[in-house]
Every structure is written in structure tokens, then in C-alpha cells.
PDB file of N, CA and C in Angstrom:
ATOM      1  N   UNK A   1     -55.162 255.651 143.554  1.00  0.00           N
ATOM      2  CA  UNK A   1     -55.013 258.181 143.533  1.00  0.00           C
ATOM      3  C   UNK A   1     -55.221 257.617 142.132  1.00  0.00           C
ATOM      4  N   UNK A   2     -55.524 258.967 141.765  1.00  0.00           N
ATOM      5  CA  UNK A   2     -55.587 259.165 140.395  1.00  0.00           C
ATOM      6  C   UNK A   2     -55.111 260.265 140.410  1.00  0.00           C
ATOM      7  N   UNK A   3     -54.515 260.796 138.973  1.00  0.00           N
ATOM      8  CA  UNK A   3     -53.887 261.762 138.420  1.00  0.00           C
ATOM      9  C   UNK A   3     -54.442 263.143 137.396  1.00  0.00           C
ATOM     10  N   UNK A   4     -54.451 263.947 137.845  1.00  0.00           N
ATOM     11  CA  UNK A   4     -54.883 265.221 137.526  1.00  0.00           C
ATOM     12  C   UNK A   4     -54.876 264.780 136.539  1.00  0.00           C
ATOM     13  N   UNK A   5     -56.041 265.944 134.939  1.00  0.00           N
ATOM     14  CA  UNK A   5     -56.263 265.861 134.144  1.00  0.00           C
ATOM     15  C   UNK A   5     -54.719 267.312 133.861  1.00  0.00           C
ATOM     16  N   UNK A   6     -54.319 267.293 132.646  1.00  0.00           N
ATOM     17  CA  UNK A   6     -52.974 267.575 132.280  1.00  0.00           C
ATOM     18  C   UNK A   6     -54.239 269.196 131.123  1.00  0.00           C
ATOM     19  N   UNK A   7     -53.201 270.363 131.502  1.00  0.00           N
ATOM     20  CA  UNK A   7     -53.757 271.312 131.371  1.00  0.00           C
ATOM     21  C   UNK A   7     -53.702 271.644 129.685  1.00  0.00           C
ATOM     22  N   UNK A   8     -55.163 271.926 129.424  1.00  0.00           N
ATOM     23  CA  UNK A   8     -55.159 272.344 127.585  1.00  0.00           C
ATOM     24  C   UNK A   8     -55.746 273.883 127.723  1.00  0.00           C
ATOM     25  N   UNK A   9     -55.520 274.577 126.730  1.00  0.00           N
ATOM     26  CA  UNK A   9     -55.474 275.928 126.666  1.00  0.00           C
ATOM     27  C   UNK A   9     -57.740 275.157 126.376  1.00  0.00           C
ATOM     28  N   UNK A  10     -57.587 276.806 126.185  1.00  0.00           N
ATOM     29  CA  UNK A  10     -59.339 276.861 125.863  1.00  0.00           C
ATOM     30  C   UNK A  10     -59.409 276.508 124.161  1.00  0.00           C
ATOM     31  N   UNK A  11     -60.457 276.735 123.817  1.00  0.00           N
ATOM     32  CA  UNK A  11     -60.456 277.439 121.496  1.00  0.00           C
ATOM     33  C   UNK A  11     -59.832 279.008 122.219  1.00  0.00           C
ATOM     34  N   UNK A  12     -60.830 279.782 123.097  1.00  0.00           N
ATOM     35  CA  UNK A  12     -60.362 281.213 123.394  1.00  0.00           C
ATOM     36  C   UNK A  12     -58.966 282.194 123.682  1.00  0.00           C
ATOM     37  N   UNK A  13     -58.347 280.811 124.922  1.00  0.00           N
ATOM     38  CA  UNK A  13     -57.087 281.468 124.905  1.00  0.00           C
ATOM     39  C   UNK A  13     -55.858 281.009 123.826  1.00  0.00           C
ATOM     40  N   UNK A  14     -56.151 280.341 123.118  1.00  0.00           N
ATOM     41  CA  UNK A  14     -54.770 279.646 121.487  1.00  0.00           C
ATOM     42  C   UNK A  14     -54.391 281.165 121.316  1.00  0.00           C
ATOM     43  N   UNK A  15     -53.697 281.782 121.209  1.00  0.00           N
ATOM     44  CA  UNK A  15     -52.986 282.134 120.411  1.00  0.00           C
ATOM     45  C   UNK A  15     -52.115 281.974 119.366  1.00  0.00           C
ATOM     46  N   UNK A  16     -52.236 283.213 117.946  1.00  0.00           N
ATOM     47  CA  UNK A  16     -51.381 282.709 116.676  1.00  0.00           C
ATOM     48  C   UNK A  16     -50.189 282.752 116.895  1.00  0.00           C
ATOM     49  N   UNK A  17     -49.430 283.575 118.155  1.00  0.00           N
ATOM     50  CA  UNK A  17     -48.341 283.328 118.339  1.00  0.00           C
ATOM     51  C   UNK A  17     -48.033 282.425 119.327  1.00  0.00           C
ATOM     52  N   UNK A  18     -48.239 281.620 119.596  1.00  0.00           N
ATOM     53  CA  UNK A  18     -47.985 280.057 120.887  1.00  0.00           C
ATOM     54  C   UNK A  18     -47.664 278.792 119.730  1.00  0.00           C
ATOM     55  N   UNK A  19     -48.991 279.645 118.454  1.00  0.00           N
ATOM     56  CA  UNK A  19     -49.211 278.341 117.269  1.00  0.00           C
ATOM     57  C   UNK A  19     -48.006 278.234 117.278  1.00  0.00           C
ATOM     58  N   UNK A  20     -47.820 279.240 116.069  1.00  0.00           N
ATOM     59  CA  UNK A  20     -46.913 279.202 115.349  1.00  0.00           C
ATOM     60  C   UNK A  20     -44.404 279.582 116.415  1.00  0.00           C
ATOM     61  N   UNK A  21     -45.897 279.532 117.250  1.00  0.00           N
ATOM     62  CA  UNK A  21     -43.399 279.641 118.294  1.00  0.00           C
ATOM     63  C   UNK A  21     -44.077 277.687 118.114  1.00  0.00           C
ATOM     64  N   UNK A  22     -44.414 276.883 118.170  1.00  0.00           N
ATOM     65  CA  UNK A  22     -44.727 275.885 119.015  1.00  0.00           C
ATOM     66  C   UNK A  22     -44.544 274.878 117.507  1.00  0.00           C
ATOM     67  N   UNK A  23     -44.792 275.410 116.220  1.00  0.00           N
ATOM     68  CA  UNK A  23     -45.077 274.394 114.622  1.00  0.00           C
ATOM     69  C   UNK A  23     -43.575 275.022 114.539  1.00  0.00           C
ATOM     70  N   UNK A  24     -42.398 275.944 115.168  1.00  0.00           N
ATOM     71  CA  UNK A  24     -41.385 276.529 114.225  1.00  0.00           C
ATOM     72  C   UNK A  24     -40.530 275.238 114.380  1.00  0.00           C
ATOM     73  N   UNK A  25     -40.838 274.792 115.640  1.00  0.00           N
ATOM     74  CA  UNK A  25     -39.433 273.835 115.490  1.00  0.00           C
ATOM     75  C   UNK A  25     -39.530 272.266 114.818  1.00  0.00           C
ATOM     76  N   UNK A  26     -38.211 272.144 114.036  1.00  0.00           N
ATOM     77  CA  UNK A  26     -38.695 271.265 113.365  1.00  0.00           C
ATOM     78  C   UNK A  26     -39.415 269.412 113.526  1.00  0.00           C
ATOM     79  N   UNK A  27     -38.559 269.233 115.000  1.00  0.00           N
ATOM     80  CA  UNK A  27     -38.986 268.112 115.857  1.00  0.00           C
ATOM     81  C   UNK A  27     -40.786 268.244 115.778  1.00  0.00           C
ATOM     82  N   UNK A  28     -40.783 269.529 116.560  1.00  0.00           N
ATOM     83  CA  UNK A  28     -42.344 269.277 116.967  1.00  0.00           C
ATOM     84  C   UNK A  28     -43.039 269.794 115.551  1.00  0.00           C
ATOM     85  N   UNK A  29     -42.616 270.013 114.807  1.00  0.00           N
ATOM     86  CA  UNK A  29     -43.938 270.676 113.612  1.00  0.00           C
ATOM     87  C   UNK A  29     -43.405 268.677 112.554  1.00  0.00           C
ATOM     88  N   UNK A  30     -42.991 267.949 112.657  1.00  0.00           N
ATOM     89  CA  UNK A  30     -42.913 266.767 112.622  1.00  0.00           C
ATOM     90  C   UNK A  30     -43.804 265.220 113.081  1.00  0.00           C
ATOM     91  N   UNK A  31     -43.795 265.941 114.350  1.00  0.00           N
ATOM     92  CA  UNK A  31     -44.797 265.522 116.009  1.00  0.00           C
ATOM     93  C   UNK A  31     -46.661 265.697 114.494  1.00  0.00           C
ATOM     94  N   UNK A  32     -46.547 266.744 114.378  1.00  0.00           N
ATOM     95  CA  UNK A  32     -47.718 267.177 113.743  1.00  0.00           C
ATOM     96  C   UNK A  32     -48.257 266.532 112.919  1.00  0.00           C
ATOM     97  N   UNK A  33     -46.692 265.997 112.064  1.00  0.00           N
ATOM     98  CA  UNK A  33     -47.117 265.887 111.255  1.00  0.00           C
ATOM     99  C   UNK A  33     -47.442 264.383 110.935  1.00  0.00           C
ATOM    100  N   UNK A  34     -46.812 263.376 111.779  1.00  0.00           N
ATOM    101  CA  UNK A  34     -48.056 262.265 112.553  1.00  0.00           C
ATOM    102  C   UNK A  34     -48.777 262.744 113.200  1.00  0.00           C
ATOM    103  N   UNK A  35     -48.837 263.215 113.779  1.00  0.00           N
ATOM    104  CA  UNK A  35     -50.774 263.443 114.872  1.00  0.00           C
ATOM    105  C   UNK A  35     -51.560 263.988 113.505  1.00  0.00           C
ATOM    106  N   UNK A  36     -51.804 264.397 112.347  1.00  0.00           N
ATOM    107  CA  UNK A  36     -52.679 264.829 111.628  1.00  0.00           C
ATOM    108  C   UNK A  36     -54.095 264.307 111.213  1.00  0.00           C
ATOM    109  N   UNK A  37     -53.266 262.848 111.296  1.00  0.00           N
ATOM    110  CA  UNK A  37     -53.692 261.336 110.964  1.00  0.00           C
ATOM    111  C   UNK A  37     -55.185 261.107 111.476  1.00  0.00           C
ATOM    112  N   UNK A  38     -55.192 262.285 112.208  1.00  0.00           N
ATOM    113  CA  UNK A  38     -57.027 261.992 113.334  1.00  0.00           C
ATOM    114  C   UNK A  38     -56.968 260.661 114.572  1.00  0.00           C
ATOM    115  N   UNK A  39     -56.203 260.263 114.430  1.00  0.00           N
ATOM    116  CA  UNK A  39     -55.670 259.554 115.421  1.00  0.00           C
ATOM    117  C   UNK A  39     -55.305 259.276 116.220  1.00  0.00           C
ATOM    118  N   UNK A  40     -55.469 258.198 116.919  1.00  0.00           N
ATOM    119  CA  UNK A  40     -55.400 258.941 118.617  1.00  0.00           C
ATOM    120  C   UNK A  40     -53.433 257.930 118.654  1.00  0.00           C
ATOM    121  N   UNK A  41     -52.644 259.164 118.916  1.00  0.00           N
ATOM    122  CA  UNK A  41     -51.153 258.278 119.019  1.00  0.00           C
ATOM    123  C   UNK A  41     -50.500 258.190 120.679  1.00  0.00           C
ATOM    124  N   UNK A  42     -49.994 257.462 120.899  1.00  0.00           N
ATOM    125  CA  UNK A  42     -48.811 257.334 122.195  1.00  0.00           C
ATOM    126  C   UNK A  42     -47.873 258.063 122.562  1.00  0.00           C
ATOM    127  N   UNK A  43     -47.850 258.417 123.644  1.00  0.00           N
ATOM    128  CA  UNK A  43     -46.706 259.737 123.494  1.00  0.00           C
ATOM    129  C   UNK A  43     -44.957 258.806 123.740  1.00  0.00           C
ATOM    130  N   UNK A  44     -45.260 257.605 122.621  1.00  0.00           N
ATOM    131  CA  UNK A  44     -44.540 256.937 122.760  1.00  0.00           C
ATOM    132  C   UNK A  44     -44.335 256.765 121.804  1.00  0.00           C
ATOM    133  N   UNK A  45     -44.613 256.748 120.837  1.00  0.00           N
ATOM    134  CA  UNK A  45     -44.912 256.885 119.115  1.00  0.00           C
ATOM    135  C   UNK A  45     -44.019 258.070 118.752  1.00  0.00           C
ATOM    136  N   UNK A  46     -43.124 258.242 117.922  1.00  0.00           N
ATOM    137  CA  UNK A  46     -43.044 259.061 117.482  1.00  0.00           C
ATOM    138  C   UNK A  46     -42.090 258.653 116.063  1.00  0.00           C
ATOM    139  N   UNK A  47     -41.431 259.399 115.196  1.00  0.00           N
ATOM    140  CA  UNK A  47     -41.182 259.097 113.364  1.00  0.00           C
ATOM    141  C   UNK A  47     -40.157 259.145 113.513  1.00  0.00           C
ATOM    142  N   UNK A  48     -40.074 258.026 113.087  1.00  0.00           N
ATOM    143  CA  UNK A  48     -37.725 257.141 112.603  1.00  0.00           C
ATOM    144  C   UNK A  48     -36.937 258.257 112.836  1.00  0.00           C
ATOM    145  N   UNK A  49     -37.411 259.602 111.846  1.00  0.00           N
ATOM    146  CA  UNK A  49     -35.980 260.668 112.467  1.00  0.00           C
ATOM    147  C   UNK A  49     -35.574 261.527 113.673  1.00  0.00           C
ATOM    148  N   UNK A  50     -36.887 260.863 114.029  1.00  0.00           N
ATOM    149  CA  UNK A  50     -36.700 261.646 115.728  1.00  0.00           C
ATOM    150  C   UNK A  50     -36.864 260.490 116.440  1.00  0.00           C
ATOM    151  N   UNK A  51     -35.741 259.585 116.311  1.00  0.00           N
ATOM    152  CA  UNK A  51     -36.071 258.769 117.185  1.00  0.00           C
ATOM    153  C   UNK A  51     -34.546 258.159 118.201  1.00  0.00           C
ATOM    154  N   UNK A  52     -33.148 259.448 116.905  1.00  0.00           N
ATOM    155  CA  UNK A  52     -32.485 259.678 117.909  1.00  0.00           C
ATOM    156  C   UNK A  52     -32.147 260.881 119.109  1.00  0.00           C
ATOM    157  N   UNK A  53     -33.564 261.252 119.469  1.00  0.00           N
ATOM    158  CA  UNK A  53     -33.662 262.183 120.274  1.00  0.00           C
ATOM    159  C   UNK A  53     -33.564 261.295 121.710  1.00  0.00           C
ATOM    160  N   UNK A  54     -33.358 262.258 122.560  1.00  0.00           N
ATOM    161  CA  UNK A  54     -34.227 261.163 123.837  1.00  0.00           C
ATOM    162  C   UNK A  54     -34.935 261.391 124.169  1.00  0.00           C
ATOM    163  N   UNK A  55     -35.900 260.891 125.009  1.00  0.00           N
ATOM    164  CA  UNK A  55     -37.081 260.713 125.368  1.00  0.00           C
ATOM    165  C   UNK A  55     -37.416 261.885 125.965  1.00  0.00           C
ATOM    166  N   UNK A  56     -36.456 262.013 127.051  1.00  0.00           N
ATOM    167  CA  UNK A  56     -36.701 263.575 127.426  1.00  0.00           C
ATOM    168  C   UNK A  56     -37.281 264.916 126.798  1.00  0.00           C
ATOM    169  N   UNK A  57     -36.794 264.515 125.932  1.00  0.00           N
ATOM    170  CA  UNK A  57     -36.664 265.800 124.644  1.00  0.00           C
ATOM    171  C   UNK A  57     -38.130 265.829 123.948  1.00  0.00           C
ATOM    172  N   UNK A  58     -38.555 264.505 123.501  1.00  0.00           N
ATOM    173  CA  UNK A  58     -39.402 264.082 122.538  1.00  0.00           C
ATOM    174  C   UNK A  58     -40.276 264.921 123.261  1.00  0.00           C
ATOM    175  N   UNK A  59     -40.902 263.957 124.908  1.00  0.00           N
ATOM    176  CA  UNK A  59     -41.398 264.685 125.811  1.00  0.00           C
ATOM    177  C   UNK A  59     -41.782 266.124 126.216  1.00  0.00           C
ATOM    178  N   UNK A  60     -40.964 266.941 126.160  1.00  0.00           N
ATOM    179  CA  UNK A  60     -40.797 268.760 126.055  1.00  0.00           C
ATOM    180  C   UNK A  60     -41.033 269.184 125.250  1.00  0.00           C
ATOM    181  N   UNK A  61     -40.978 268.175 123.627  1.00  0.00           N
ATOM    182  CA  UNK A  61     -41.591 269.003 122.816  1.00  0.00           C
ATOM    183  C   UNK A  61     -43.521 268.823 122.463  1.00  0.00           C
ATOM    184  N   UNK A  62     -43.010 267.741 123.348  1.00  0.00           N
ATOM    185  CA  UNK A  62     -45.194 266.655 123.123  1.00  0.00           C
ATOM    186  C   UNK A  62     -45.523 267.813 124.284  1.00  0.00           C
ATOM    187  N   UNK A  63     -45.294 268.424 125.515  1.00  0.00           N
ATOM    188  CA  UNK A  63     -45.371 268.902 126.367  1.00  0.00           C
ATOM    189  C   UNK A  63     -45.728 270.816 125.700  1.00  0.00           C
ATOM    190  N   UNK A  64     -45.163 270.917 125.183  1.00  0.00           N
ATOM    191  CA  UNK A  64     -45.301 272.321 124.112  1.00  0.00           C
ATOM    192  C   UNK A  64     -46.456 272.259 123.621  1.00  0.00           C
ATOM    193  N   UNK A  65     -46.596 271.739 122.905  1.00  0.00           N
ATOM    194  CA  UNK A  65     -47.894 271.078 121.824  1.00  0.00           C
ATOM    195  C   UNK A  65     -48.655 271.781 122.418  1.00  0.00           C
ATOM    196  N   UNK A  66     -48.523 270.629 124.062  1.00  0.00           N
ATOM    197  CA  UNK A  66     -50.547 271.151 124.100  1.00  0.00           C
ATOM    198  C   UNK A  66     -50.148 271.857 125.071  1.00  0.00           C
ATOM    199  N   UNK A  67     -49.499 272.638 125.377  1.00  0.00           N
ATOM    200  CA  UNK A  67     -49.925 274.087 126.969  1.00  0.00           C
ATOM    201  C   UNK A  67     -49.716 275.314 125.328  1.00  0.00           C
ATOM    202  N   UNK A  68     -49.186 274.619 123.700  1.00  0.00           N
ATOM    203  CA  UNK A  68     -50.015 276.463 123.069  1.00  0.00           C
ATOM    204  C   UNK A  68     -50.941 275.359 122.243  1.00  0.00           C
ATOM    205  N   UNK A  69     -51.610 274.512 123.284  1.00  0.00           N
ATOM    206  CA  UNK A  69     -53.002 274.206 122.129  1.00  0.00           C
ATOM    207  C   UNK A  69     -53.148 273.997 120.836  1.00  0.00           C
ATOM    208  N   UNK A  70     -51.173 273.146 121.093  1.00  0.00           N
ATOM    209  CA  UNK A  70     -51.697 271.773 118.905  1.00  0.00           C
ATOM    210  C   UNK A  70     -52.263 270.958 119.562  1.00  0.00           C
ATOM    211  N   UNK A  71     -51.902 270.135 120.785  1.00  0.00           N
ATOM    212  CA  UNK A  71     -52.281 268.700 120.286  1.00  0.00           C
ATOM    213  C   UNK A  71     -53.430 268.674 122.274  1.00  0.00           C
ATOM    214  N   UNK A  72     -53.912 267.870 122.064  1.00  0.00           N
ATOM    215  CA  UNK A  72     -54.733 267.508 123.295  1.00  0.00           C
ATOM    216  C   UNK A  72     -54.621 265.820 123.641  1.00  0.00           C
ATOM    217  N   UNK A  73     -54.013 266.328 125.342  1.00  0.00           N
ATOM    218  CA  UNK A  73     -53.385 265.068 125.753  1.00  0.00           C
ATOM    219  C   UNK A  73     -54.215 263.976 126.711  1.00  0.00           C
ATOM    220  N   UNK A  74     -54.780 262.812 126.828  1.00  0.00           N
ATOM    221  CA  UNK A  74     -55.500 262.053 127.622  1.00  0.00           C
ATOM    222  C   UNK A  74     -54.703 261.118 127.951  1.00  0.00           C
ATOM    223  N   UNK A  75     -55.045 261.075 129.467  1.00  0.00           N
ATOM    224  CA  UNK A  75     -54.147 259.975 130.563  1.00  0.00           C
ATOM    225  C   UNK A  75     -55.248 258.481 130.623  1.00  0.00           C
ATOM    226  N   UNK A  76     -54.759 257.831 130.273  1.00  0.00           N
ATOM    227  CA  UNK A  76     -54.891 256.393 130.591  1.00  0.00           C
ATOM    228  C   UNK A  76     -55.009 255.396 131.578  1.00  0.00           C
ATOM    229  N   UNK A  77     -54.516 255.274 132.842  1.00  0.00           N
ATOM    230  CA  UNK A  77     -53.669 254.724 133.212  1.00  0.00           C
ATOM    231  C   UNK A  77     -52.508 255.421 133.587  1.00  0.00           C
ATOM    232  N   UNK A  78     -51.484 254.481 133.110  1.00  0.00           N
ATOM    233  CA  UNK A  78     -50.204 255.113 132.798  1.00  0.00           C
ATOM    234  C   UNK A  78     -49.452 255.185 131.387  1.00  0.00           C
ATOM    235  N   UNK A  79     -50.245 255.301 130.740  1.00  0.00           N
ATOM    236  CA  UNK A  79     -49.988 256.099 129.374  1.00  0.00           C
ATOM    237  C   UNK A  79     -50.739 257.363 129.515  1.00  0.00           C
ATOM    238  N   UNK A  80     -49.704 257.547 128.002  1.00  0.00           N
ATOM    239  CA  UNK A  80     -50.483 258.999 127.508  1.00  0.00           C
ATOM    240  C   UNK A  80     -50.704 258.606 126.272  1.00  0.00           C
ATOM    241  N   UNK A  81     -51.861 259.658 125.082  1.00  0.00           N
ATOM    242  CA  UNK A  81     -52.533 259.489 124.009  1.00  0.00           C
ATOM    243  C   UNK A  81     -52.482 261.006 123.362  1.00  0.00           C
ATOM    244  N   UNK A  82     -52.364 261.586 122.306  1.00  0.00           N
ATOM    245  CA  UNK A  82     -52.378 262.465 121.633  1.00  0.00           C
ATOM    246  C   UNK A  82     -52.908 262.486 120.810  1.00  0.00           C
ATOM    247  N   UNK A  83     -53.673 263.948 120.739  1.00  0.00           N
ATOM    248  CA  UNK A  83     -53.989 263.866 119.107  1.00  0.00           C
ATOM    249  C   UNK A  83     -54.163 265.627 118.724  1.00  0.00           C
ATOM    250  N   UNK A  84     -54.454 265.494 117.579  1.00  0.00           N
ATOM    251  CA  UNK A  84     -54.613 267.091 117.607  1.00  0.00           C
ATOM    252  C   UNK A  84     -55.640 267.930 117.172  1.00  0.00           C
ATOM    253  N   UNK A  85     -55.694 269.326 117.279  1.00  0.00           N
ATOM    254  CA  UNK A  85     -56.557 269.700 118.344  1.00  0.00           C
ATOM    255  C   UNK A  85     -57.162 270.459 116.465  1.00  0.00           C
ATOM    256  N   UNK A  86     -56.877 269.359 115.523  1.00  0.00           N
ATOM    257  CA  UNK A  86     -57.562 270.057 113.827  1.00  0.00           C
ATOM    258  C   UNK A  86     -58.661 270.815 114.307  1.00  0.00           C
ATOM    259  N   UNK A  87     -59.544 270.301 113.852  1.00  0.00           N
ATOM    260  CA  UNK A  87     -61.906 271.365 114.382  1.00  0.00           C
ATOM    261  C   UNK A  87     -60.903 271.949 115.400  1.00  0.00           C
ATOM    262  N   UNK A  88     -60.629 271.913 116.656  1.00  0.00           N
ATOM    263  CA  UNK A  88     -60.244 273.560 117.452  1.00  0.00           C
ATOM    264  C   UNK A  88     -59.542 274.405 116.683  1.00  0.00           C
ATOM    265  N   UNK A  89     -58.818 273.458 116.099  1.00  0.00           N
ATOM    266  CA  UNK A  89     -56.876 275.014 115.336  1.00  0.00           C
ATOM    267  C   UNK A  89     -58.363 275.087 114.439  1.00  0.00           C
ATOM    268  N   UNK A  90     -58.558 274.312 113.427  1.00  0.00           N
ATOM    269  CA  UNK A  90     -59.291 275.150 112.515  1.00  0.00           C
ATOM    270  C   UNK A  90     -59.984 276.292 112.009  1.00  0.00           C
ATOM    271  N   UNK A  91     -61.133 276.339 113.711  1.00  0.00           N
ATOM    272  CA  UNK A  91     -62.432 277.383 114.211  1.00  0.00           C
ATOM    273  C   UNK A  91     -61.541 277.882 114.660  1.00  0.00           C
ATOM    274  N   UNK A  92     -60.492 278.458 114.950  1.00  0.00           N
ATOM    275  CA  UNK A  92     -60.150 279.379 115.470  1.00  0.00           C
ATOM    276  C   UNK A  92     -59.052 280.120 114.273  1.00  0.00           C
ATOM    277  N   UNK A  93     -58.223 279.032 113.708  1.00  0.00           N
ATOM    278  CA  UNK A  93     -57.666 279.652 113.010  1.00  0.00           C
ATOM    279  C   UNK A  93     -58.007 279.110 111.533  1.00  0.00           C
ATOM    280  N   UNK A  94     -58.956 279.134 110.829  1.00  0.00           N
ATOM    281  CA  UNK A  94     -58.617 278.738 109.761  1.00  0.00           C
ATOM    282  C   UNK A  94     -57.754 279.282 108.262  1.00  0.00           C
ATOM    283  N   UNK A  95     -57.690 277.111 107.803  1.00  0.00           N
ATOM    284  CA  UNK A  95     -56.962 277.190 106.766  1.00  0.00           C
ATOM    285  C   UNK A  95     -55.364 277.427 107.693  1.00  0.00           C
ATOM    286  N   UNK A  96     -54.893 277.336 108.491  1.00  0.00           N
ATOM    287  CA  UNK A  96     -53.704 277.686 108.991  1.00  0.00           C
ATOM    288  C   UNK A  96     -52.710 275.964 109.251  1.00  0.00           C
ATOM    289  N   UNK A  97     -53.166 275.152 110.056  1.00  0.00           N
ATOM    290  CA  UNK A  97     -52.926 273.337 109.960  1.00  0.00           C
ATOM    291  C   UNK A  97     -53.049 273.514 108.153  1.00  0.00           C
ATOM    292  N   UNK A  98     -53.938 272.576 107.598  1.00  0.00           N
ATOM    293  CA  UNK A  98     -53.771 273.167 106.134  1.00  0.00           C
ATOM    294  C   UNK A  98     -52.548 273.509 105.647  1.00  0.00           C
ATOM    295  N   UNK A  99     -52.035 275.148 105.513  1.00  0.00           N
ATOM    296  CA  UNK A  99     -50.782 275.865 104.589  1.00  0.00           C
ATOM    297  C   UNK A  99     -49.775 275.146 105.356  1.00  0.00           C
ATOM    298  N   UNK A 100     -49.758 275.066 107.099  1.00  0.00           N
ATOM    299  CA  UNK A 100     -48.809 275.296 107.412  1.00  0.00           C
ATOM    300  C   UNK A 100     -48.056 273.366 106.548  1.00  0.00           C
ATOM    301  N   UNK A 101     -49.258 273.029 107.250  1.00  0.00           N
ATOM    302  CA  UNK A 101     -49.153 270.454 106.581  1.00  0.00           C
ATOM    303  C   UNK A 101     -48.485 270.685 105.213  1.00  0.00           C
ATOM    304  N   UNK A 102     -49.208 271.761 104.359  1.00  0.00           N
ATOM    305  CA  UNK A 102     -49.020 271.283 102.972  1.00  0.00           C
ATOM    306  C   UNK A 102     -47.206 271.386 101.717  1.00  0.00           C
ATOM    307  N   UNK A 103     -46.642 272.585 103.129  1.00  0.00           N
ATOM    308  CA  UNK A 103     -45.362 273.030 103.007  1.00  0.00           C
ATOM    309  C   UNK A 103     -44.434 272.841 103.635  1.00  0.00           C
ATOM    310  N   UNK A 104     -44.287 271.510 104.090  1.00  0.00           N
ATOM    311  CA  UNK A 104     -44.265 270.775 105.013  1.00  0.00           C
ATOM    312  C   UNK A 104     -42.089 270.494 104.426  1.00  0.00           C
ATOM    313  N   UNK A 105     -42.624 269.950 103.079  1.00  0.00           N
ATOM    314  CA  UNK A 105     -40.981 269.976 102.158  1.00  0.00           C
ATOM    315  C   UNK A 105     -40.593 267.974 102.105  1.00  0.00           C
ATOM    316  N   UNK A 106     -42.085 267.460 102.282  1.00  0.00           N
ATOM    317  CA  UNK A 106     -41.640 266.055 102.616  1.00  0.00           C
ATOM    318  C   UNK A 106     -41.892 265.845 100.450  1.00  0.00           C
TER     319      UNK A 106
END
């Protein structure tokens, strides 16, 4: 049995309002900060300050980021790996991610 590949909007389908909406939530923004290193991350990996959240909550945030085109999910067996779609987002909305990540207040 093979698992179906999750939906990822194409670069043409990315909408600024959707991306900004996904990044408006502090938990999702923190996940994007984690993924900004352009390394593939396990879906079970999240920042220390989010460890108080339930797994289902973090999973919902990851799903929202995927559906809005911010991250890409790769399935390998029972594992899911997330990467930031930086190149695609930069092509569609030049400078957006850099501006947001530079002003996260860390």
C-alpha cells in the first residue's frame, strides 16, 4: 500500500494573502524560522518553545503551512519531512521571507 503524496500548491497558485495568513500565527512563524535553514526537518521536530503544544496542534500548523504553499512535505515510509519552499516563495514574492524573518523579534 502506498501513501498518497500530499497536496502542494504550484508556484502560480500561491497567493500573498494565504502566505501572510499562514505566517501570521506565532507558532507557524516559529516553525518557519526553524525551517529557514533549508535543511529537511522531521515533522516530529519543533522548537523548544512549542513543545507545550499538543502534537495535533503542531500537525495542524504544519498542514496549514503546506496548504498555503510555505513548506513542502516529503513522505518516506511512515515519516514526513518538511522543507521551506524558500526558492519558490522568493521567485513569487521577492524579499518577502527575508523581510519577515529579519523582523521576528528574536
